[in-house]
Amino acid sequence: MGAWGEKPYENDSAYDWLNELGSSKDSQFLLSTLRKGIGAEILDSTECEEIMAAAAIVNAASFEKLKGIPKEAKDWIKKIAFVPNKDSIDLTITSLSGVPPVAA
């Protein structure tokens, strides 16, 4: 049985995505994930979960103290010295607008 939850890393898809991110040597994997949400008419649940996971990393990396993300994400941010710039933050915001809200 798979895992599922409301937070960005409480599901299998996002955690699998995080494992792939860990082997990437730059931010292109993260940014390409965020680009999936741009102009997409319909996103499947896996794409939404991956976009949310990527957005959580951009958010966390925007602050000096990394918190609210798994250790693997923190390690990746430190490994590549990822610091989001205005373009990556704008991409994140635009991408998230394509993710439908969770029904309560």
N, C-alpha and C. Protein backbone atom coordinates (compact mmCIF):
# COMPACT_ATOMS: atom_id res chain seq x y z
N MET A 1 0.85 -1.17 0.00
CA MET A 1 0.00 0.00 0.00
C MET A 1 0.90 1.24 0.00
N GLY A 2 0.53 2.22 -0.79
CA GLY A 2 1.32 3.43 -0.90
C GLY A 2 1.01 4.43 0.21
N ALA A 3 1.91 5.40 0.30
CA ALA A 3 1.73 6.47 1.28
C ALA A 3 1.05 7.65 0.62
N TRP A 4 0.25 8.37 1.39
CA TRP A 4 -0.41 9.57 0.90
C TRP A 4 -0.66 10.50 2.06
N GLY A 5 -0.48 11.80 1.81
CA GLY A 5 -0.76 12.80 2.83
C GLY A 5 -0.86 14.17 2.21
N GLU A 6 -1.16 15.16 3.02
CA GLU A 6 -1.34 16.52 2.55
C GLU A 6 -0.03 17.27 2.33
N LYS A 7 1.00 16.91 3.06
CA LYS A 7 2.27 17.63 2.97
C LYS A 7 3.07 17.17 1.75
N PRO A 8 4.00 17.99 1.29
CA PRO A 8 4.69 17.71 0.03
C PRO A 8 5.39 16.36 -0.07
N TYR A 9 5.85 15.80 1.03
CA TYR A 9 6.60 14.54 0.95
C TYR A 9 5.90 13.38 1.65
N GLU A 10 4.60 13.46 1.81
CA GLU A 10 3.85 12.40 2.48
C GLU A 10 3.24 11.42 1.48
N ASN A 11 3.80 11.33 0.29
CA ASN A 11 3.28 10.39 -0.70
C ASN A 11 4.43 9.77 -1.48
N ASP A 12 4.16 8.61 -2.03
CA ASP A 12 5.19 7.85 -2.74
C ASP A 12 5.75 8.58 -3.94
N SER A 13 4.91 9.22 -4.73
CA SER A 13 5.37 9.89 -5.95
C SER A 13 6.39 10.98 -5.63
N ALA A 14 6.09 11.80 -4.65
CA ALA A 14 7.00 12.88 -4.29
C ALA A 14 8.30 12.33 -3.72
N TYR A 15 8.20 11.27 -2.95
CA TYR A 15 9.42 10.72 -2.36
C TYR A 15 10.27 10.05 -3.43
N ASP A 16 9.64 9.38 -4.39
CA ASP A 16 10.39 8.82 -5.52
C ASP A 16 11.06 9.93 -6.31
N TRP A 17 10.34 11.04 -6.52
CA TRP A 17 10.90 12.18 -7.22
C TRP A 17 12.12 12.73 -6.46
N LEU A 18 12.00 12.81 -5.14
CA LEU A 18 13.10 13.30 -4.32
C LEU A 18 14.34 12.43 -4.47
N ASN A 19 14.15 11.13 -4.57
CA ASN A 19 15.28 10.23 -4.77
C ASN A 19 15.97 10.50 -6.11
N GLU A 20 15.19 10.79 -7.15
CA GLU A 20 15.77 11.15 -8.45
C GLU A 20 16.51 12.48 -8.35
N LEU A 21 15.93 13.43 -7.65
CA LEU A 21 16.56 14.73 -7.48
C LEU A 21 17.93 14.58 -6.84
N GLY A 22 18.03 13.69 -5.87
CA GLY A 22 19.29 13.49 -5.15
C GLY A 22 20.45 13.11 -6.04
N SER A 23 20.17 12.48 -7.16
CA SER A 23 21.25 12.09 -8.06
C SER A 23 21.55 13.15 -9.13
N SER A 24 20.74 14.23 -9.16
CA SER A 24 21.00 15.28 -10.15
C SER A 24 22.13 16.19 -9.67
N LYS A 25 22.89 16.69 -10.63
CA LYS A 25 24.07 17.48 -10.32
C LYS A 25 23.85 18.99 -10.45
N ASP A 26 22.64 19.37 -10.85
CA ASP A 26 22.31 20.79 -10.97
C ASP A 26 20.81 20.96 -10.79
N SER A 27 20.31 22.16 -11.01
CA SER A 27 18.90 22.43 -10.75
C SER A 27 17.98 22.10 -11.92
N GLN A 28 18.50 21.59 -13.02
CA GLN A 28 17.67 21.36 -14.20
C GLN A 28 16.53 20.36 -13.96
N PHE A 29 16.78 19.32 -13.20
CA PHE A 29 15.73 18.34 -12.90
C PHE A 29 14.59 19.00 -12.14
N LEU A 30 14.94 19.80 -11.14
CA LEU A 30 13.94 20.51 -10.35
C LEU A 30 13.16 21.49 -11.24
N LEU A 31 13.86 22.26 -12.04
CA LEU A 31 13.20 23.26 -12.88
C LEU A 31 12.34 22.62 -13.96
N SER A 32 12.79 21.49 -14.51
CA SER A 32 11.98 20.81 -15.53
C SER A 32 10.69 20.26 -14.91
N THR A 33 10.76 19.87 -13.66
CA THR A 33 9.55 19.42 -12.95
C THR A 33 8.57 20.58 -12.82
N LEU A 34 9.08 21.74 -12.44
CA LEU A 34 8.21 22.91 -12.29
C LEU A 34 7.61 23.32 -13.63
N ARG A 35 8.35 23.16 -14.71
CA ARG A 35 7.85 23.54 -16.04
C ARG A 35 6.64 22.69 -16.47
N LYS A 36 6.49 21.52 -15.87
CA LYS A 36 5.33 20.66 -16.20
C LYS A 36 4.02 21.38 -15.91
N GLY A 37 4.02 22.26 -14.95
CA GLY A 37 2.80 22.95 -14.56
C GLY A 37 2.46 24.17 -15.41
N ILE A 38 3.35 24.53 -16.31
CA ILE A 38 3.14 25.72 -17.13
C ILE A 38 2.31 25.36 -18.36
N GLY A 39 1.15 25.95 -18.45
CA GLY A 39 0.31 25.77 -19.63
C GLY A 39 -0.33 24.39 -19.77
N ALA A 40 -0.16 23.54 -18.79
CA ALA A 40 -0.78 22.22 -18.86
C ALA A 40 -2.28 22.35 -18.64
N GLU A 41 -3.03 21.75 -19.52
CA GLU A 41 -4.49 21.81 -19.36
C GLU A 41 -4.93 20.95 -18.18
N ILE A 42 -4.35 19.75 -18.11
CA ILE A 42 -4.68 18.84 -17.01
C ILE A 42 -3.38 18.18 -16.54
N LEU A 43 -3.18 18.17 -15.24
CA LEU A 43 -2.04 17.49 -14.63
C LEU A 43 -2.55 16.26 -13.90
N ASP A 44 -1.81 15.15 -14.02
CA ASP A 44 -2.23 13.97 -13.25
C ASP A 44 -1.71 14.11 -11.82
N SER A 45 -2.15 13.23 -10.96
CA SER A 45 -1.82 13.36 -9.53
C SER A 45 -0.31 13.26 -9.30
N THR A 46 0.38 12.41 -10.04
CA THR A 46 1.83 12.28 -9.87
C THR A 46 2.53 13.59 -10.22
N GLU A 47 2.13 14.20 -11.33
CA GLU A 47 2.73 15.48 -11.71
C GLU A 47 2.48 16.54 -10.65
N CYS A 48 1.28 16.59 -10.12
CA CYS A 48 0.95 17.56 -9.07
C CYS A 48 1.81 17.33 -7.83
N GLU A 49 1.97 16.09 -7.45
CA GLU A 49 2.77 15.77 -6.26
C GLU A 49 4.23 16.13 -6.47
N GLU A 50 4.75 15.90 -7.68
CA GLU A 50 6.14 16.23 -7.98
C GLU A 50 6.33 17.76 -8.00
N ILE A 51 5.38 18.48 -8.58
CA ILE A 51 5.46 19.94 -8.60
C ILE A 51 5.43 20.49 -7.18
N MET A 52 4.57 19.95 -6.34
CA MET A 52 4.50 20.40 -4.95
C MET A 52 5.82 20.13 -4.22
N ALA A 53 6.43 18.98 -4.49
CA ALA A 53 7.71 18.65 -3.86
C ALA A 53 8.81 19.61 -4.32
N ALA A 54 8.83 19.90 -5.61
CA ALA A 54 9.83 20.84 -6.15
C ALA A 54 9.61 22.24 -5.58
N ALA A 55 8.36 22.65 -5.49
CA ALA A 55 8.05 23.98 -4.95
C ALA A 55 8.47 24.09 -3.49
N ALA A 56 8.30 23.02 -2.74
CA ALA A 56 8.71 23.04 -1.33
C ALA A 56 10.22 23.23 -1.20
N ILE A 57 10.98 22.68 -2.15
CA ILE A 57 12.43 22.86 -2.12
C ILE A 57 12.80 24.30 -2.45
N VAL A 58 12.16 24.87 -3.46
CA VAL A 58 12.43 26.27 -3.81
C VAL A 58 12.10 27.16 -2.61
N ASN A 59 10.98 26.90 -1.99
CA ASN A 59 10.59 27.68 -0.82
C ASN A 59 11.62 27.56 0.30
N ALA A 60 11.98 26.35 0.65
CA ALA A 60 12.92 26.14 1.75
C ALA A 60 14.28 26.76 1.44
N ALA A 61 14.72 26.64 0.20
CA ALA A 61 16.04 27.16 -0.18
C ALA A 61 16.06 28.69 -0.23
N SER A 62 14.90 29.30 -0.16
CA SER A 62 14.81 30.76 -0.17
C SER A 62 15.17 31.37 1.18
N PHE A 63 15.31 30.53 2.19
CA PHE A 63 15.61 30.99 3.54
C PHE A 63 16.98 30.49 3.97
N GLU A 64 17.60 31.22 4.87
CA GLU A 64 18.93 30.84 5.34
C GLU A 64 18.91 29.50 6.08
N LYS A 65 17.91 29.29 6.91
CA LYS A 65 17.80 28.03 7.66
C LYS A 65 16.83 27.12 6.92
N LEU A 66 17.33 25.98 6.48
CA LEU A 66 16.50 25.02 5.76
C LEU A 66 15.62 24.25 6.73
N LYS A 67 14.32 24.33 6.54
CA LYS A 67 13.42 23.56 7.39
C LYS A 67 12.15 23.23 6.61
N GLY A 68 11.44 22.22 7.10
CA GLY A 68 10.19 21.82 6.47
C GLY A 68 10.35 20.88 5.29
N ILE A 69 11.58 20.40 5.07
CA ILE A 69 11.83 19.46 3.97
C ILE A 69 12.68 18.31 4.50
N PRO A 70 12.63 17.16 3.83
CA PRO A 70 13.42 16.01 4.29
C PRO A 70 14.93 16.26 4.20
N LYS A 71 15.66 15.47 4.94
CA LYS A 71 17.12 15.56 4.95
C LYS A 71 17.69 15.42 3.54
N GLU A 72 17.12 14.53 2.74
CA GLU A 72 17.62 14.32 1.37
C GLU A 72 17.54 15.61 0.55
N ALA A 73 16.48 16.37 0.75
CA ALA A 73 16.32 17.64 0.04
C ALA A 73 17.35 18.66 0.54
N LYS A 74 17.54 18.71 1.84
CA LYS A 74 18.54 19.61 2.39
C LYS A 74 19.93 19.27 1.87
N ASP A 75 20.24 17.98 1.83
CA ASP A 75 21.55 17.54 1.32
C ASP A 75 21.74 17.96 -0.12
N TRP A 76 20.70 17.82 -0.94
CA TRP A 76 20.80 18.21 -2.36
C TRP A 76 21.02 19.72 -2.48
N ILE A 77 20.28 20.52 -1.73
CA ILE A 77 20.43 21.97 -1.77
C ILE A 77 21.87 22.35 -1.44
N LYS A 78 22.42 21.72 -0.42
CA LYS A 78 23.80 22.02 -0.02
C LYS A 78 24.80 21.50 -1.06
N LYS A 79 24.53 20.32 -1.60
CA LYS A 79 25.45 19.69 -2.57
C LYS A 79 25.65 20.57 -3.80
N ILE A 80 24.57 21.12 -4.33
CA ILE A 80 24.72 21.94 -5.54
C ILE A 80 24.71 23.43 -5.22
N ALA A 81 24.63 23.78 -3.95
CA ALA A 81 24.58 25.18 -3.51
C ALA A 81 23.41 25.91 -4.19
N PHE A 82 22.24 25.28 -4.15
CA PHE A 82 21.06 25.84 -4.80
C PHE A 82 20.52 27.02 -4.03
N VAL A 83 20.45 28.14 -4.72
CA VAL A 83 19.82 29.35 -4.18
C VAL A 83 18.85 29.83 -5.26
N PRO A 84 17.56 29.81 -4.98
CA PRO A 84 16.59 30.21 -6.01
C PRO A 84 16.77 31.68 -6.39
N ASN A 85 16.72 31.93 -7.68
CA ASN A 85 16.74 33.31 -8.16
C ASN A 85 15.31 33.73 -8.48
N LYS A 86 15.13 34.96 -8.91
CA LYS A 86 13.79 35.48 -9.19
C LYS A 86 13.09 34.63 -10.25
N ASP A 87 13.82 34.19 -11.28
CA ASP A 87 13.20 33.39 -12.33
C ASP A 87 12.68 32.05 -11.80
N SER A 88 13.46 31.40 -10.94
CA SER A 88 13.00 30.11 -10.41
C SER A 88 11.84 30.29 -9.44
N ILE A 89 11.82 31.38 -8.72
CA ILE A 89 10.69 31.66 -7.81
C ILE A 89 9.43 31.96 -8.63
N ASP A 90 9.58 32.78 -9.68
CA ASP A 90 8.44 33.07 -10.55
C ASP A 90 7.92 31.80 -11.22
N LEU A 91 8.84 30.94 -11.67
CA LEU A 91 8.45 29.67 -12.28
C LEU A 91 7.66 28.83 -11.29
N THR A 92 8.10 28.81 -10.06
CA THR A 92 7.42 28.04 -9.01
C THR A 92 6.00 28.54 -8.79
N ILE A 93 5.85 29.84 -8.69
CA ILE A 93 4.53 30.42 -8.46
C ILE A 93 3.60 30.12 -9.63
N THR A 94 4.10 30.29 -10.84
CA THR A 94 3.29 30.03 -12.03
C THR A 94 2.92 28.55 -12.12
N SER A 95 3.88 27.69 -11.85
CA SER A 95 3.64 26.25 -11.91
C SER A 95 2.58 25.82 -10.89
N LEU A 96 2.68 26.36 -9.68
CA LEU A 96 1.71 25.99 -8.64
C LEU A 96 0.30 26.43 -9.00
N SER A 97 0.17 27.46 -9.81
CA SER A 97 -1.18 27.90 -10.19
C SER A 97 -1.87 26.85 -11.06
N GLY A 98 -1.12 25.93 -11.64
CA GLY A 98 -1.72 24.86 -12.44
C GLY A 98 -2.11 23.63 -11.63
N VAL A 99 -1.71 23.62 -10.35
CA VAL A 99 -2.03 22.48 -9.49
C VAL A 99 -3.36 22.74 -8.80
N PRO A 100 -4.34 21.86 -9.01
CA PRO A 100 -5.65 22.10 -8.38
C PRO A 100 -5.57 21.99 -6.86
N PRO A 101 -6.40 22.74 -6.16
CA PRO A 101 -6.41 22.66 -4.69
C PRO A 101 -6.91 21.29 -4.23
N VAL A 102 -6.46 20.92 -3.06
CA VAL A 102 -6.91 19.64 -2.46
C VAL A 102 -8.29 19.85 -1.88
N ALA A 103 -9.18 18.95 -2.18
CA ALA A 103 -10.54 19.03 -1.62
C ALA A 103 -10.50 18.68 -0.15
N ALA A 104 -11.21 19.42 0.63
CA ALA A 104 -11.23 19.18 2.09
C ALA A 104 -12.20 18.09 2.44
